[in-house]
Amino acid sequence: MRHSWLAVAGITGLLAFPPVDACTLWGAAGTASMEGSLLAKNRDWKPDHAQSLRLLHPEHGYAYLGLYADNGSEPGIKAGVNQKGLAVVATEASSLPRALRPIARAMAF
């Protein structure tokens, strides 16, 4: 009975807050990562764009392969990995309303 009450309280608490259109995540591996991998994911933008891959060699800094949004409300780089292996990527927040998710719109019957 106590577990049921906790589940109801948890769901009620989640429903009390409005959906958010943003998500930022960090991950670590290999002994929480003194010598292992780190990965950051960010999705604080609306997914309304076409994408392209670009290999760039800046005058200062490391060369990198970037994933770019080419149009939409917030064009620019959304993910990438540099020549030293540092990778930063974006993620889509599952808290977006169903009508705003591109896959949900494409699969609507």
PDB file of N, CA and C in Angstrom:
ATOM      1  N   MET A   1       0.824  -1.197   0.000  1.00  0.00           N
ATOM      2  CA  MET A   1       0.000   0.000   0.000  1.00  0.00           C
ATOM      3  C   MET A   1       0.870   1.264   0.000  1.00  0.00           C
ATOM      4  N   ARG A   2       1.949   1.227   0.791  1.00  0.00           N
ATOM      5  CA  ARG A   2       2.817   2.401   0.867  1.00  0.00           C
ATOM      6  C   ARG A   2       3.448   2.707  -0.493  1.00  0.00           C
ATOM      7  N   HIS A   3       3.859   1.661  -1.230  1.00  0.00           N
ATOM      8  CA  HIS A   3       4.462   1.879  -2.546  1.00  0.00           C
ATOM      9  C   HIS A   3       3.453   2.493  -3.514  1.00  0.00           C
ATOM     10  N   SER A   4       2.199   2.065  -3.431  1.00  0.00           N
ATOM     11  CA  SER A   4       1.157   2.631  -4.293  1.00  0.00           C
ATOM     12  C   SER A   4       0.960   4.108  -3.992  1.00  0.00           C
ATOM     13  N   TRP A   5       0.932   4.447  -2.705  1.00  0.00           N
ATOM     14  CA  TRP A   5       0.756   5.838  -2.314  1.00  0.00           C
ATOM     15  C   TRP A   5       1.928   6.679  -2.809  1.00  0.00           C
ATOM     16  N   LEU A   6       3.155   6.158  -2.695  1.00  0.00           N
ATOM     17  CA  LEU A   6       4.333   6.884  -3.174  1.00  0.00           C
ATOM     18  C   LEU A   6       4.286   7.083  -4.686  1.00  0.00           C
ATOM     19  N   ALA A   7       3.822   6.068  -5.410  1.00  0.00           N
ATOM     20  CA  ALA A   7       3.709   6.182  -6.864  1.00  0.00           C
ATOM     21  C   ALA A   7       2.700   7.261  -7.243  1.00  0.00           C
ATOM     22  N   VAL A   8       1.549   7.272  -6.582  1.00  0.00           N
ATOM     23  CA  VAL A   8       0.523   8.287  -6.849  1.00  0.00           C
ATOM     24  C   VAL A   8       1.064   9.678  -6.520  1.00  0.00           C
ATOM     25  N   ALA A   9       1.752   9.807  -5.392  1.00  0.00           N
ATOM     26  CA  ALA A   9       2.320  11.100  -5.000  1.00  0.00           C
ATOM     27  C   ALA A   9       3.371  11.556  -6.013  1.00  0.00           C
ATOM     28  N   GLY A  10       4.203  10.631  -6.489  1.00  0.00           N
ATOM     29  CA  GLY A  10       5.228  10.979  -7.467  1.00  0.00           C
ATOM     30  C   GLY A  10       4.637  11.431  -8.784  1.00  0.00           C
ATOM     31  N   ILE A  11       3.639  10.713  -9.275  1.00  0.00           N
ATOM     32  CA  ILE A  11       2.987  11.075 -10.536  1.00  0.00           C
ATOM     33  C   ILE A  11       2.280  12.413 -10.400  1.00  0.00           C
ATOM     34  N   THR A  12       1.599  12.622  -9.281  1.00  0.00           N
ATOM     35  CA  THR A  12       0.922  13.897  -9.034  1.00  0.00           C
ATOM     36  C   THR A  12       1.935  15.036  -9.027  1.00  0.00           C
ATOM     37  N   GLY A  13       3.077  14.809  -8.389  1.00  0.00           N
ATOM     38  CA  GLY A  13       4.122  15.831  -8.359  1.00  0.00           C
ATOM     39  C   GLY A  13       4.642  16.160  -9.740  1.00  0.00           C
ATOM     40  N   LEU A  14       4.815  15.146 -10.583  1.00  0.00           N
ATOM     41  CA  LEU A  14       5.284  15.382 -11.949  1.00  0.00           C
ATOM     42  C   LEU A  14       4.266  16.164 -12.771  1.00  0.00           C
ATOM     43  N   LEU A  15       2.992  15.864 -12.574  1.00  0.00           N
ATOM     44  CA  LEU A  15       1.944  16.535 -13.335  1.00  0.00           C
ATOM     45  C   LEU A  15       1.729  17.975 -12.888  1.00  0.00           C
ATOM     46  N   ALA A  16       2.189  18.324 -11.702  1.00  0.00           N
ATOM     47  CA  ALA A  16       2.002  19.676 -11.179  1.00  0.00           C
ATOM     48  C   ALA A  16       2.897  20.691 -11.881  1.00  0.00           C
ATOM     49  N   PHE A  17       3.928  20.227 -12.573  1.00  0.00           N
ATOM     50  CA  PHE A  17       4.861  21.135 -13.229  1.00  0.00           C
ATOM     51  C   PHE A  17       4.597  21.153 -14.726  1.00  0.00           C
ATOM     52  N   PRO A  18       4.681  22.334 -15.355  1.00  0.00           N
ATOM     53  CA  PRO A  18       4.476  22.403 -16.805  1.00  0.00           C
ATOM     54  C   PRO A  18       5.635  21.748 -17.548  1.00  0.00           C
ATOM     55  N   PRO A  19       5.404  21.301 -18.797  1.00  0.00           N
ATOM     56  CA  PRO A  19       6.498  20.695 -19.565  1.00  0.00           C
ATOM     57  C   PRO A  19       7.582  21.724 -19.874  1.00  0.00           C
ATOM     58  N   VAL A  20       8.807  21.266 -19.954  1.00  0.00           N
ATOM     59  CA  VAL A  20       9.933  22.127 -20.291  1.00  0.00           C
ATOM     60  C   VAL A  20      10.405  21.798 -21.696  1.00  0.00           C
ATOM     61  N   ASP A  21      10.902  22.789 -22.386  1.00  0.00           N
ATOM     62  CA  ASP A  21      11.391  22.594 -23.743  1.00  0.00           C
ATOM     63  C   ASP A  21      12.916  22.585 -23.795  1.00  0.00           C
ATOM     64  N   ALA A  22      13.558  22.128 -22.736  1.00  0.00           N
ATOM     65  CA  ALA A  22      15.018  22.142 -22.698  1.00  0.00           C
ATOM     66  C   ALA A  22      15.535  20.932 -21.934  1.00  0.00           C
ATOM     67  N   CYS A  23      16.751  20.535 -22.260  1.00  0.00           N
ATOM     68  CA  CYS A  23      17.362  19.400 -21.573  1.00  0.00           C
ATOM     69  C   CYS A  23      18.876  19.488 -21.716  1.00  0.00           C
ATOM     70  N   THR A  24      19.579  19.369 -20.614  1.00  0.00           N
ATOM     71  CA  THR A  24      21.037  19.331 -20.631  1.00  0.00           C
ATOM     72  C   THR A  24      21.486  18.126 -19.828  1.00  0.00           C
ATOM     73  N   LEU A  25      22.343  17.294 -20.398  1.00  0.00           N
ATOM     74  CA  LEU A  25      22.800  16.064 -19.760  1.00  0.00           C
ATOM     75  C   LEU A  25      24.321  15.992 -19.789  1.00  0.00           C
ATOM     76  N   TRP A  26      24.895  15.374 -18.779  1.00  0.00           N
ATOM     77  CA  TRP A  26      26.332  15.094 -18.732  1.00  0.00           C
ATOM     78  C   TRP A  26      26.514  13.618 -18.445  1.00  0.00           C
ATOM     79  N   GLY A  27      27.518  13.007 -19.044  1.00  0.00           N
ATOM     80  CA  GLY A  27      27.816  11.605 -18.783  1.00  0.00           C
ATOM     81  C   GLY A  27      29.308  11.416 -18.593  1.00  0.00           C
ATOM     82  N   ALA A  28      29.655  10.427 -17.820  1.00  0.00           N
ATOM     83  CA  ALA A  28      31.067  10.108 -17.581  1.00  0.00           C
ATOM     84  C   ALA A  28      31.233   8.603 -17.640  1.00  0.00           C
ATOM     85  N   ALA A  29      32.424   8.162 -18.000  1.00  0.00           N
ATOM     86  CA  ALA A  29      32.712   6.728 -18.046  1.00  0.00           C
ATOM     87  C   ALA A  29      34.125   6.493 -17.550  1.00  0.00           C
ATOM     88  N   GLY A  30      34.482   5.256 -17.351  1.00  0.00           N
ATOM     89  CA  GLY A  30      35.833   4.909 -16.951  1.00  0.00           C
ATOM     90  C   GLY A  30      36.255   5.520 -15.637  1.00  0.00           C
ATOM     91  N   THR A  31      35.856   4.932 -14.546  1.00  0.00           N
ATOM     92  CA  THR A  31      36.094   5.404 -13.175  1.00  0.00           C
ATOM     93  C   THR A  31      35.670   6.861 -13.013  1.00  0.00           C
ATOM     94  N   ALA A  32      34.511   7.139 -13.516  1.00  0.00           N
ATOM     95  CA  ALA A  32      33.861   8.439 -13.436  1.00  0.00           C
ATOM     96  C   ALA A  32      34.775   9.551 -13.831  1.00  0.00           C
ATOM     97  N   SER A  33      35.617   9.394 -14.457  1.00  0.00           N
ATOM     98  CA  SER A  33      36.300   9.669 -15.644  1.00  0.00           C
ATOM     99  C   SER A  33      37.612  10.389 -15.565  1.00  0.00           C
ATOM    100  N   MET A  34      38.397  10.044 -14.631  1.00  0.00           N
ATOM    101  CA  MET A  34      39.740  10.630 -14.561  1.00  0.00           C
ATOM    102  C   MET A  34      40.507  10.351 -15.857  1.00  0.00           C
ATOM    103  N   GLU A  35      40.404   9.152 -16.397  1.00  0.00           N
ATOM    104  CA  GLU A  35      41.090   8.809 -17.646  1.00  0.00           C
ATOM    105  C   GLU A  35      40.127   8.286 -18.704  1.00  0.00           C
ATOM    106  N   GLY A  36      38.816   8.301 -18.404  1.00  0.00           N
ATOM    107  CA  GLY A  36      37.841   7.747 -19.336  1.00  0.00           C
ATOM    108  C   GLY A  36      37.183   8.820 -20.190  1.00  0.00           C
ATOM    109  N   SER A  37      35.993   8.524 -20.662  1.00  0.00           N
ATOM    110  CA  SER A  37      35.275   9.407 -21.580  1.00  0.00           C
ATOM    111  C   SER A  37      34.290  10.302 -20.849  1.00  0.00           C
ATOM    112  N   LEU A  38      34.087  11.498 -21.377  1.00  0.00           N
ATOM    113  CA  LEU A  38      33.052  12.423 -20.932  1.00  0.00           C
ATOM    114  C   LEU A  38      32.182  12.748 -22.131  1.00  0.00           C
ATOM    115  N   LEU A  39      30.883  12.931 -21.908  1.00  0.00           N
ATOM    116  CA  LEU A  39      29.979  13.304 -22.986  1.00  0.00           C
ATOM    117  C   LEU A  39      28.949  14.268 -22.435  1.00  0.00           C
ATOM    118  N   ALA A  40      28.712  15.362 -23.149  1.00  0.00           N
ATOM    119  CA  ALA A  40      27.689  16.336 -22.768  1.00  0.00           C
ATOM    120  C   ALA A  40      26.648  16.385 -23.873  1.00  0.00           C
ATOM    121  N   LYS A  41      25.382  16.461 -23.486  1.00  0.00           N
ATOM    122  CA  LYS A  41      24.296  16.557 -24.459  1.00  0.00           C
ATOM    123  C   LYS A  41      23.432  17.754 -24.088  1.00  0.00           C
ATOM    124  N   ASN A  42      23.056  18.554 -25.076  1.00  0.00           N
ATOM    125  CA  ASN A  42      22.249  19.736 -24.818  1.00  0.00           C
ATOM    126  C   ASN A  42      21.168  19.863 -25.879  1.00  0.00           C
ATOM    127  N   ARG A  43      19.960  20.161 -25.433  1.00  0.00           N
ATOM    128  CA  ARG A  43      18.845  20.318 -26.367  1.00  0.00           C
ATOM    129  C   ARG A  43      17.957  21.468 -25.904  1.00  0.00           C
ATOM    130  N   ASP A  44      18.511  22.647 -25.817  1.00  0.00           N
ATOM    131  CA  ASP A  44      17.755  23.811 -25.374  1.00  0.00           C
ATOM    132  C   ASP A  44      17.258  24.621 -26.570  1.00  0.00           C
ATOM    133  N   TRP A  45      16.771  23.936 -27.588  1.00  0.00           N
ATOM    134  CA  TRP A  45      16.293  24.592 -28.794  1.00  0.00           C
ATOM    135  C   TRP A  45      15.236  23.724 -29.466  1.00  0.00           C
ATOM    136  N   LYS A  46      14.410  24.337 -30.310  1.00  0.00           N
ATOM    137  CA  LYS A  46      13.325  23.631 -30.999  1.00  0.00           C
ATOM    138  C   LYS A  46      13.870  22.910 -32.240  1.00  0.00           C
ATOM    139  N   PRO A  47      13.590  21.609 -32.405  1.00  0.00           N
ATOM    140  CA  PRO A  47      14.103  20.846 -33.559  1.00  0.00           C
ATOM    141  C   PRO A  47      13.298  21.102 -34.840  1.00  0.00           C
ATOM    142  N   ASP A  48      13.556  22.229 -35.510  1.00  0.00           N
ATOM    143  CA  ASP A  48      12.786  22.615 -36.698  1.00  0.00           C
ATOM    144  C   ASP A  48      13.700  22.957 -37.882  1.00  0.00           C
ATOM    145  N   HIS A  49      14.664  22.108 -38.181  1.00  0.00           N
ATOM    146  CA  HIS A  49      15.714  22.472 -39.124  1.00  0.00           C
ATOM    147  C   HIS A  49      16.229  21.278 -39.928  1.00  0.00           C
ATOM    148  N   ALA A  50      16.934  21.583 -41.035  1.00  0.00           N
ATOM    149  CA  ALA A  50      17.697  20.578 -41.783  1.00  0.00           C
ATOM    150  C   ALA A  50      19.105  20.550 -41.195  1.00  0.00           C
ATOM    151  N   GLN A  51      19.836  19.440 -41.377  1.00  0.00           N
ATOM    152  CA  GLN A  51      21.164  19.312 -40.780  1.00  0.00           C
ATOM    153  C   GLN A  51      22.215  18.973 -41.834  1.00  0.00           C
ATOM    154  N   SER A  52      23.478  19.324 -41.521  1.00  0.00           N
ATOM    155  CA  SER A  52      24.604  18.955 -42.378  1.00  0.00           C
ATOM    156  C   SER A  52      25.825  18.687 -41.511  1.00  0.00           C
ATOM    157  N   LEU A  53      26.740  17.861 -42.036  1.00  0.00           N
ATOM    158  CA  LEU A  53      28.028  17.604 -41.378  1.00  0.00           C
ATOM    159  C   LEU A  53      29.083  18.467 -42.048  1.00  0.00           C
ATOM    160  N   ARG A  54      29.949  19.088 -41.221  1.00  0.00           N
ATOM    161  CA  ARG A  54      31.019  19.931 -41.760  1.00  0.00           C
ATOM    162  C   ARG A  54      32.320  19.620 -41.034  1.00  0.00           C
ATOM    163  N   LEU A  55      33.383  19.431 -41.809  1.00  0.00           N
ATOM    164  CA  LEU A  55      34.722  19.251 -41.250  1.00  0.00           C
ATOM    165  C   LEU A  55      35.412  20.606 -41.309  1.00  0.00           C
ATOM    166  N   LEU A  56      35.770  21.151 -40.142  1.00  0.00           N
ATOM    167  CA  LEU A  56      36.329  22.495 -40.062  1.00  0.00           C
ATOM    168  C   LEU A  56      37.729  22.478 -39.472  1.00  0.00           C
ATOM    169  N   HIS A  57      38.563  23.362 -39.978  1.00  0.00           N
ATOM    170  CA  HIS A  57      39.939  23.530 -39.506  1.00  0.00           C
ATOM    171  C   HIS A  57      40.113  25.002 -39.118  1.00  0.00           C
ATOM    172  N   PRO A  58      39.740  25.378 -37.883  1.00  0.00           N
ATOM    173  CA  PRO A  58      39.843  26.786 -37.493  1.00  0.00           C
ATOM    174  C   PRO A  58      41.293  27.254 -37.418  1.00  0.00           C
ATOM    175  N   GLU A  59      41.493  28.556 -37.563  1.00  0.00           N
ATOM    176  CA  GLU A  59      42.837  29.128 -37.484  1.00  0.00           C
ATOM    177  C   GLU A  59      43.446  28.887 -36.105  1.00  0.00           C
ATOM    178  N   HIS A  60      42.636  28.982 -35.071  1.00  0.00           N
ATOM    179  CA  HIS A  60      43.079  28.732 -33.698  1.00  0.00           C
ATOM    180  C   HIS A  60      42.228  27.605 -33.121  1.00  0.00           C
ATOM    181  N   GLY A  61      42.833  26.635 -32.492  1.00  0.00           N
ATOM    182  CA  GLY A  61      42.095  25.517 -31.905  1.00  0.00           C
ATOM    183  C   GLY A  61      42.198  24.265 -32.754  1.00  0.00           C
ATOM    184  N   TYR A  62      41.466  23.246 -32.330  1.00  0.00           N
ATOM    185  CA  TYR A  62      41.521  21.936 -32.974  1.00  0.00           C
ATOM    186  C   TYR A  62      40.524  21.827 -34.124  1.00  0.00           C
ATOM    187  N   ALA A  63      40.870  21.029 -35.121  1.00  0.00           N
ATOM    188  CA  ALA A  63      39.928  20.708 -36.189  1.00  0.00           C
ATOM    189  C   ALA A  63      38.791  19.890 -35.590  1.00  0.00           C
ATOM    190  N   TYR A  64      37.600  20.015 -36.188  1.00  0.00           N
ATOM    191  CA  TYR A  64      36.460  19.260 -35.671  1.00  0.00           C
ATOM    192  C   TYR A  64      35.453  18.954 -36.767  1.00  0.00           C
ATOM    193  N   LEU A  65      34.681  17.907 -36.523  1.00  0.00           N
ATOM    194  CA  LEU A  65      33.551  17.538 -37.360  1.00  0.00           C
ATOM    195  C   LEU A  65      32.312  17.997 -36.618  1.00  0.00           C
ATOM    196  N   GLY A  66      31.528  18.862 -37.239  1.00  0.00           N
ATOM    197  CA  GLY A  66      30.351  19.418 -36.575  1.00  0.00           C
ATOM    198  C   GLY A  66      29.063  19.026 -37.263  1.00  0.00           C
ATOM    199  N   LEU A  67      28.021  18.844 -36.473  1.00  0.00           N
ATOM    200  CA  LEU A  67      26.662  18.635 -36.976  1.00  0.00           C
ATOM    201  C   LEU A  67      25.939  19.969 -36.825  1.00  0.00           C
ATOM    202  N   TYR A  68      25.500  20.526 -37.938  1.00  0.00           N
ATOM    203  CA  TYR A  68      24.911  21.861 -37.947  1.00  0.00           C
ATOM    204  C   TYR A  68      23.437  21.829 -38.300  1.00  0.00           C
ATOM    205  N   ALA A  69      22.658  22.713 -37.663  1.00  0.00           N
ATOM    206  CA  ALA A  69      21.300  23.024 -38.090  1.00  0.00           C
ATOM    207  C   ALA A  69      21.458  24.129 -39.133  1.00  0.00           C
ATOM    208  N   ASP A  70      20.979  23.889 -40.346  1.00  0.00           N
ATOM    209  CA  ASP A  70      21.203  24.833 -41.436  1.00  0.00           C
ATOM    210  C   ASP A  70      20.113  25.884 -41.582  1.00  0.00           C
ATOM    211  N   ASN A  71      19.001  25.712 -40.929  1.00  0.00           N
ATOM    212  CA  ASN A  71      17.905  26.674 -41.018  1.00  0.00           C
ATOM    213  C   ASN A  71      17.072  26.542 -39.747  1.00  0.00           C
ATOM    214  N   GLY A  72      15.845  26.998 -39.766  1.00  0.00           N
ATOM    215  CA  GLY A  72      14.996  26.897 -38.584  1.00  0.00           C
ATOM    216  C   GLY A  72      15.170  28.100 -37.675  1.00  0.00           C
ATOM    217  N   SER A  73      14.610  28.011 -36.484  1.00  0.00           N
ATOM    218  CA  SER A  73      14.618  29.153 -35.571  1.00  0.00           C
ATOM    219  C   SER A  73      15.969  29.387 -34.913  1.00  0.00           C
ATOM    220  N   GLU A  74      16.809  28.350 -34.821  1.00  0.00           N
ATOM    221  CA  GLU A  74      18.115  28.491 -34.176  1.00  0.00           C
ATOM    222  C   GLU A  74      19.190  27.733 -34.958  1.00  0.00           C
ATOM    223  N   PRO A  75      19.632  28.285 -36.107  1.00  0.00           N
ATOM    224  CA  PRO A  75      20.667  27.596 -36.884  1.00  0.00           C
ATOM    225  C   PRO A  75      22.009  27.611 -36.161  1.00  0.00           C
ATOM    226  N   GLY A  76      22.888  26.689 -36.533  1.00  0.00           N
ATOM    227  CA  GLY A  76      24.226  26.639 -35.953  1.00  0.00           C
ATOM    228  C   GLY A  76      24.628  25.225 -35.595  1.00  0.00           C
ATOM    229  N   ILE A  77      25.775  25.090 -34.949  1.00  0.00           N
ATOM    230  CA  ILE A  77      26.290  23.769 -34.595  1.00  0.00           C
ATOM    231  C   ILE A  77      25.484  23.174 -33.440  1.00  0.00           C
ATOM    232  N   LYS A  78      25.186  21.885 -33.530  1.00  0.00           N
ATOM    233  CA  LYS A  78      24.405  21.188 -32.509  1.00  0.00           C
ATOM    234  C   LYS A  78      25.157  20.011 -31.906  1.00  0.00           C
ATOM    235  N   ALA A  79      26.222  19.558 -32.565  1.00  0.00           N
ATOM    236  CA  ALA A  79      27.024  18.445 -32.050  1.00  0.00           C
ATOM    237  C   ALA A  79      28.370  18.469 -32.755  1.00  0.00           C
ATOM    238  N   GLY A  80      29.346  17.825 -32.152  1.00  0.00           N
ATOM    239  CA  GLY A  80      30.635  17.755 -32.810  1.00  0.00           C
ATOM    240  C   GLY A  80      31.646  16.955 -32.025  1.00  0.00           C
ATOM    241  N   VAL A  81      32.733  16.609 -32.712  1.00  0.00           N
ATOM    242  CA  VAL A  81      33.863  15.932 -32.075  1.00  0.00           C
ATOM    243  C   VAL A  81      35.134  16.547 -32.659  1.00  0.00           C
ATOM    244  N   ASN A  82      36.085  16.900 -31.772  1.00  0.00           N
ATOM    245  CA  ASN A  82      37.312  17.514 -32.279  1.00  0.00           C
ATOM    246  C   ASN A  82      38.399  16.468 -32.484  1.00  0.00           C
ATOM    247  N   GLN A  83      39.531  16.895 -33.039  1.00  0.00           N
ATOM    248  CA  GLN A  83      40.609  15.961 -33.385  1.00  0.00           C
ATOM    249  C   GLN A  83      41.231  15.302 -32.171  1.00  0.00           C
ATOM    250  N   LYS A  84      40.984  15.802 -30.983  1.00  0.00           N
ATOM    251  CA  LYS A  84      41.494  15.187 -29.755  1.00  0.00           C
ATOM    252  C   LYS A  84      40.487  14.219 -29.144  1.00  0.00           C
ATOM    253  N   GLY A  85      39.292  14.108 -29.752  1.00  0.00           N
ATOM    254  CA  GLY A  85      38.297  13.159 -29.270  1.00  0.00           C
ATOM    255  C   GLY A  85      37.249  13.737 -28.344  1.00  0.00           C
ATOM    256  N   LEU A  86      37.273  15.049 -28.093  1.00  0.00           N
ATOM    257  CA  LEU A  86      36.235  15.660 -27.271  1.00  0.00           C
ATOM    258  C   LEU A  86      34.963  15.744 -28.094  1.00  0.00           C
ATOM    259  N   ALA A  87      33.886  15.141 -27.592  1.00  0.00           N
ATOM    260  CA  ALA A  87      32.606  15.143 -28.293  1.00  0.00           C
ATOM    261  C   ALA A  87      31.560  15.838 -27.436  1.00  0.00           C
ATOM    262  N   VAL A  88      30.774  16.694 -28.065  1.00  0.00           N
ATOM    263  CA  VAL A  88      29.650  17.351 -27.414  1.00  0.00           C
ATOM    264  C   VAL A  88      28.474  17.198 -28.365  1.00  0.00           C
ATOM    265  N   VAL A  89      27.326  16.748 -27.850  1.00  0.00           N
ATOM    266  CA  VAL A  89      26.160  16.502 -28.694  1.00  0.00           C
ATOM    267  C   VAL A  89      24.898  17.047 -28.050  1.00  0.00           C
ATOM    268  N   ALA A  90      23.880  17.244 -28.865  1.00  0.00           N
ATOM    269  CA  ALA A  90      22.578  17.704 -28.390  1.00  0.00           C
ATOM    270  C   ALA A  90      21.645  16.509 -28.244  1.00  0.00           C
ATOM    271  N   THR A  91      20.605  16.667 -27.454  1.00  0.00           N
ATOM    272  CA  THR A  91      19.601  15.624 -27.281  1.00  0.00           C
ATOM    273  C   THR A  91      18.220  16.243 -27.300  1.00  0.00           C
ATOM    274  N   GLU A  92      17.231  15.509 -27.768  1.00  0.00           N
ATOM    275  CA  GLU A  92      15.863  16.021 -27.773  1.00  0.00           C
ATOM    276  C   GLU A  92      15.201  15.704 -26.453  1.00  0.00           C
ATOM    277  N   ALA A  93      14.650  16.710 -25.822  1.00  0.00           N
ATOM    278  CA  ALA A  93      13.986  16.525 -24.532  1.00  0.00           C
ATOM    279  C   ALA A  93      12.670  15.791 -24.735  1.00  0.00           C
ATOM    280  N   SER A  94      12.482  14.694 -24.022  1.00  0.00           N
ATOM    281  CA  SER A  94      11.239  13.934 -24.143  1.00  0.00           C
ATOM    282  C   SER A  94      10.071  14.661 -23.508  1.00  0.00           C
ATOM    283  N   SER A  95      10.329  15.756 -22.818  1.00  0.00           N
ATOM    284  CA  SER A  95       9.245  16.503 -22.195  1.00  0.00           C
ATOM    285  C   SER A  95       8.570  17.466 -23.174  1.00  0.00           C
ATOM    286  N   LEU A  96       9.049  17.514 -24.426  1.00  0.00           N
ATOM    287  CA  LEU A  96       8.368  18.353 -25.402  1.00  0.00           C
ATOM    288  C   LEU A  96       6.957  17.824 -25.618  1.00  0.00           C
ATOM    289  N   PRO A  97       5.982  18.713 -25.757  1.00  0.00           N
ATOM    290  CA  PRO A  97       4.631  18.243 -26.063  1.00  0.00           C
ATOM    291  C   PRO A  97       4.647  17.420 -27.354  1.00  0.00           C
ATOM    292  N   ARG A  98       3.819  16.404 -27.428  1.00  0.00           N
ATOM    293  CA  ARG A  98       3.808  15.484 -28.567  1.00  0.00           C
ATOM    294  C   ARG A  98       3.714  16.215 -29.910  1.00  0.00           C
ATOM    295  N   ALA A  99       2.925  17.275 -29.968  1.00  0.00           N
ATOM    296  CA  ALA A  99       2.740  18.011 -31.221  1.00  0.00           C
ATOM    297  C   ALA A  99       4.027  18.682 -31.696  1.00  0.00           C
ATOM    298  N   LEU A 100       4.993  18.909 -30.809  1.00  0.00           N
ATOM    299  CA  LEU A 100       6.246  19.565 -31.187  1.00  0.00           C
ATOM    300  C   LEU A 100       7.348  18.588 -31.551  1.00  0.00           C
ATOM    301  N   ARG A 101       7.130  17.294 -31.339  1.00  0.00           N
ATOM    302  CA  ARG A 101       8.158  16.299 -31.652  1.00  0.00           C
ATOM    303  C   ARG A 101       8.073  15.932 -33.130  1.00  0.00           C
ATOM    304  N   PRO A 102       9.156  16.087 -33.896  1.00  0.00           N
ATOM    305  CA  PRO A 102       9.096  15.803 -35.332  1.00  0.00           C
ATOM    306  C   PRO A 102       8.674  14.378 -35.648  1.00  0.00           C
ATOM    307  N   ILE A 103       9.150  13.403 -34.902  1.00  0.00           N
ATOM    308  CA  ILE A 103       8.797  12.007 -35.165  1.00  0.00           C
ATOM    309  C   ILE A 103       7.327  11.774 -34.866  1.00  0.00           C
ATOM    310  N   ALA A 104       6.830  12.365 -33.787  1.00  0.00           N
ATOM    311  CA  ALA A 104       5.422  12.195 -33.431  1.00  0.00           C
ATOM    312  C   ALA A 104       4.526  12.776 -34.519  1.00  0.00           C
ATOM    313  N   ARG A 105       4.894  13.940 -35.081  1.00  0.00           N
ATOM    314  CA  ARG A 105       4.085  14.540 -36.150  1.00  0.00           C
ATOM    315  C   ARG A 105       4.111  13.667 -37.395  1.00  0.00           C
ATOM    316  N   ALA A 106       5.261  13.112 -37.729  1.00  0.00           N
ATOM    317  CA  ALA A 106       5.386  12.292 -38.932  1.00  0.00           C
ATOM    318  C   ALA A 106       4.618  10.985 -38.803  1.00  0.00           C
ATOM    319  N   MET A 107       4.489  10.477 -37.574  1.00  0.00           N
ATOM    320  CA  MET A 107       3.834   9.191 -37.362  1.00  0.00           C
ATOM    321  C   MET A 107       2.363   9.331 -36.992  1.00  0.00           C
ATOM    322  N   ALA A 108       1.853  10.561 -36.897  1.00  0.00           N
ATOM    323  CA  ALA A 108       0.455  10.760 -36.501  1.00  0.00           C
ATOM    324  C   ALA A 108      -0.466  10.149 -37.554  1.00  0.00           C
ATOM    325  N   PHE A 109      -1.512   9.495 -37.089  1.00  0.00           N
ATOM    326  CA  PHE A 109      -2.453   8.846 -38.008  1.00  0.00           C
ATOM    327  C   PHE A 109      -3.652   9.722 -38.253  1.00  0.00           C
TER     328      PHE A 109
END
